[in-house]
Amino acid sequence: MTDSQAIRNGRRVLGGITDACAGWLRFTGAKAPAVNRMATELKRVQHSALLRWSKLDKRAFDEATAWLIETEQIIVEHGEGSKFYLLMKMN
């Protein structure tokens, strides 16, 4: 059986979240220092930074994160004027 595109994208997004929290993925841009610090220290990955990094369109990204939420791999937290993704469990 083959995985759907949403599942493949979900696995990529999950890898990005995991790598950002571990400090292996560094986001770029004007707010990058704060975004990277939040990911490594607080284990919260900002929605907009992750969306840009993924290079997915909004619909594909939303489908991927919906699958990750549904399968209880990540949770969503709202705050500080943005949306953040947190891993359900850290390895």
C-alpha atoms as a PDB file:
ATOM      1  CA  MET A   1       0.000   0.000   0.000  1.00  0.00           C
ATOM      2  CA  THR A   2       1.288   3.473  -0.811  1.00  0.00           C
ATOM      3  CA  ASP A   3       1.079   6.551   1.358  1.00  0.00           C
ATOM      4  CA  SER A   4      -0.972   9.517   0.289  1.00  0.00           C
ATOM      5  CA  GLN A   5       0.707  12.786  -0.560  1.00  0.00           C
ATOM      6  CA  ALA A   6      -0.622  14.289   2.694  1.00  0.00           C
ATOM      7  CA  ILE A   7       1.097  11.552   4.703  1.00  0.00           C
ATOM      8  CA  ARG A   8       4.375  11.978   2.818  1.00  0.00           C
ATOM      9  CA  ASN A   9       4.170  15.739   3.386  1.00  0.00           C
ATOM     10  CA  GLY A  10       3.278  15.119   7.015  1.00  0.00           C
ATOM     11  CA  ARG A  11       6.393  13.040   7.513  1.00  0.00           C
ATOM     12  CA  ARG A  12       8.497  15.811   5.965  1.00  0.00           C
ATOM     13  CA  VAL A  13       6.896  18.451   8.211  1.00  0.00           C
ATOM     14  CA  LEU A  14       7.381  16.205  11.257  1.00  0.00           C
ATOM     15  CA  GLY A  15      11.046  15.863  10.334  1.00  0.00           C
ATOM     16  CA  GLY A  16      11.316  19.643  10.135  1.00  0.00           C
ATOM     17  CA  ILE A  17       9.756  20.073  13.569  1.00  0.00           C
ATOM     18  CA  THR A  18      12.010  17.401  15.064  1.00  0.00           C
ATOM     19  CA  ASP A  19      15.137  18.860  13.471  1.00  0.00           C
ATOM     20  CA  ALA A  20      14.248  22.420  14.512  1.00  0.00           C
ATOM     21  CA  CYS A  21      13.723  21.338  18.137  1.00  0.00           C
ATOM     22  CA  ALA A  22      17.051  19.502  18.095  1.00  0.00           C
ATOM     23  CA  GLY A  23      18.839  22.537  16.633  1.00  0.00           C
ATOM     24  CA  TRP A  24      19.718  20.820  13.357  1.00  0.00           C
ATOM     25  CA  LEU A  25      17.352  22.947  11.277  1.00  0.00           C
ATOM     26  CA  ARG A  26      17.962  26.684  11.462  1.00  0.00           C
ATOM     27  CA  PHE A  27      15.338  29.016  10.021  1.00  0.00           C
ATOM     28  CA  THR A  28      16.402  32.176   8.206  1.00  0.00           C
ATOM     29  CA  GLY A  29      14.879  35.620   7.961  1.00  0.00           C
ATOM     30  CA  ALA A  30      14.428  38.725  10.052  1.00  0.00           C
ATOM     31  CA  LYS A  31      12.926  36.914  13.044  1.00  0.00           C
ATOM     32  CA  ALA A  32      15.136  33.814  12.731  1.00  0.00           C
ATOM     33  CA  PRO A  33      17.117  34.205  15.975  1.00  0.00           C
ATOM     34  CA  ALA A  34      13.941  34.337  18.069  1.00  0.00           C
ATOM     35  CA  VAL A  35      12.240  31.572  16.068  1.00  0.00           C
ATOM     36  CA  ASN A  36      15.283  29.288  16.329  1.00  0.00           C
ATOM     37  CA  ARG A  37      15.689  29.974  20.048  1.00  0.00           C
ATOM     38  CA  MET A  38      12.019  29.186  20.649  1.00  0.00           C
ATOM     39  CA  ALA A  39      12.368  25.894  18.767  1.00  0.00           C
ATOM     40  CA  THR A  40      15.480  24.720  20.593  1.00  0.00           C
ATOM     41  CA  GLU A  41      14.719  26.030  24.075  1.00  0.00           C
ATOM     42  CA  LEU A  42      10.918  25.825  24.284  1.00  0.00           C
ATOM     43  CA  LYS A  43      10.406  23.070  21.674  1.00  0.00           C
ATOM     44  CA  ARG A  44       7.800  25.235  19.890  1.00  0.00           C
ATOM     45  CA  VAL A  45       8.107  25.638  16.115  1.00  0.00           C
ATOM     46  CA  GLN A  46       6.417  28.679  14.590  1.00  0.00           C
ATOM     47  CA  HIS A  47       3.818  27.960  11.918  1.00  0.00           C
ATOM     48  CA  SER A  48       4.962  30.610   9.431  1.00  0.00           C
ATOM     49  CA  ALA A  49       8.645  29.610   9.617  1.00  0.00           C
ATOM     50  CA  LEU A  50       7.794  25.932   9.157  1.00  0.00           C
ATOM     51  CA  LEU A  51       5.423  26.682   6.271  1.00  0.00           C
ATOM     52  CA  ARG A  52       8.131  28.667   4.453  1.00  0.00           C
ATOM     53  CA  TRP A  53      10.733  25.970   5.102  1.00  0.00           C
ATOM     54  CA  SER A  54       8.434  23.191   3.832  1.00  0.00           C
ATOM     55  CA  LYS A  55       7.877  24.927   0.469  1.00  0.00           C
ATOM     56  CA  LEU A  56       4.361  23.440   0.455  1.00  0.00           C
ATOM     57  CA  ASP A  57       1.333  25.477  -0.526  1.00  0.00           C
ATOM     58  CA  LYS A  58      -1.062  26.325   2.310  1.00  0.00           C
ATOM     59  CA  ARG A  59      -3.533  23.572   1.441  1.00  0.00           C
ATOM     60  CA  ALA A  60      -0.895  20.829   1.312  1.00  0.00           C
ATOM     61  CA  PHE A  61       0.701  22.104   4.525  1.00  0.00           C
ATOM     62  CA  ASP A  62      -2.665  22.203   6.308  1.00  0.00           C
ATOM     63  CA  GLU A  63      -3.429  18.638   5.180  1.00  0.00           C
ATOM     64  CA  ALA A  64      -0.018  17.486   6.409  1.00  0.00           C
ATOM     65  CA  THR A  65      -0.388  19.127   9.825  1.00  0.00           C
ATOM     66  CA  ALA A  66      -3.978  17.869  10.119  1.00  0.00           C
ATOM     67  CA  TRP A  67      -2.714  14.313   9.616  1.00  0.00           C
ATOM     68  CA  LEU A  68       0.011  14.862  12.235  1.00  0.00           C
ATOM     69  CA  ILE A  69      -2.555  16.207  14.718  1.00  0.00           C
ATOM     70  CA  GLU A  70      -5.028  13.416  13.966  1.00  0.00           C
ATOM     71  CA  THR A  71      -2.357  10.761  14.504  1.00  0.00           C
ATOM     72  CA  GLU A  72      -1.296  12.506  17.732  1.00  0.00           C
ATOM     73  CA  GLN A  73       2.251  13.203  16.624  1.00  0.00           C
ATOM     74  CA  ILE A  74       2.025  16.963  17.203  1.00  0.00           C
ATOM     75  CA  ILE A  75      -0.188  19.413  19.033  1.00  0.00           C
ATOM     76  CA  VAL A  76      -0.995  23.013  18.149  1.00  0.00           C
ATOM     77  CA  GLU A  77      -0.595  25.897  20.539  1.00  0.00           C
ATOM     78  CA  HIS A  78      -1.819  29.430  19.888  1.00  0.00           C
ATOM     79  CA  GLY A  79      -0.095  32.417  21.406  1.00  0.00           C
ATOM     80  CA  GLU A  80       2.047  35.483  20.885  1.00  0.00           C
ATOM     81  CA  GLY A  81       0.120  36.303  17.712  1.00  0.00           C
ATOM     82  CA  SER A  82       1.067  33.056  16.001  1.00  0.00           C
ATOM     83  CA  LYS A  83       0.468  29.325  15.869  1.00  0.00           C
ATOM     84  CA  PHE A  84       3.097  26.879  17.117  1.00  0.00           C
ATOM     85  CA  TYR A  85       3.640  23.152  16.692  1.00  0.00           C
ATOM     86  CA  LEU A  86       4.900  20.941  19.504  1.00  0.00           C
ATOM     87  CA  LEU A  87       5.897  17.305  19.315  1.00  0.00           C
ATOM     88  CA  MET A  88       3.721  14.965  21.334  1.00  0.00           C
ATOM     89  CA  LYS A  89       6.804  13.097  22.516  1.00  0.00           C
ATOM     90  CA  MET A  90      10.479  13.871  22.228  1.00  0.00           C
ATOM     91  CA  ASN A  91      12.930  11.076  21.448  1.00  0.00           C
END
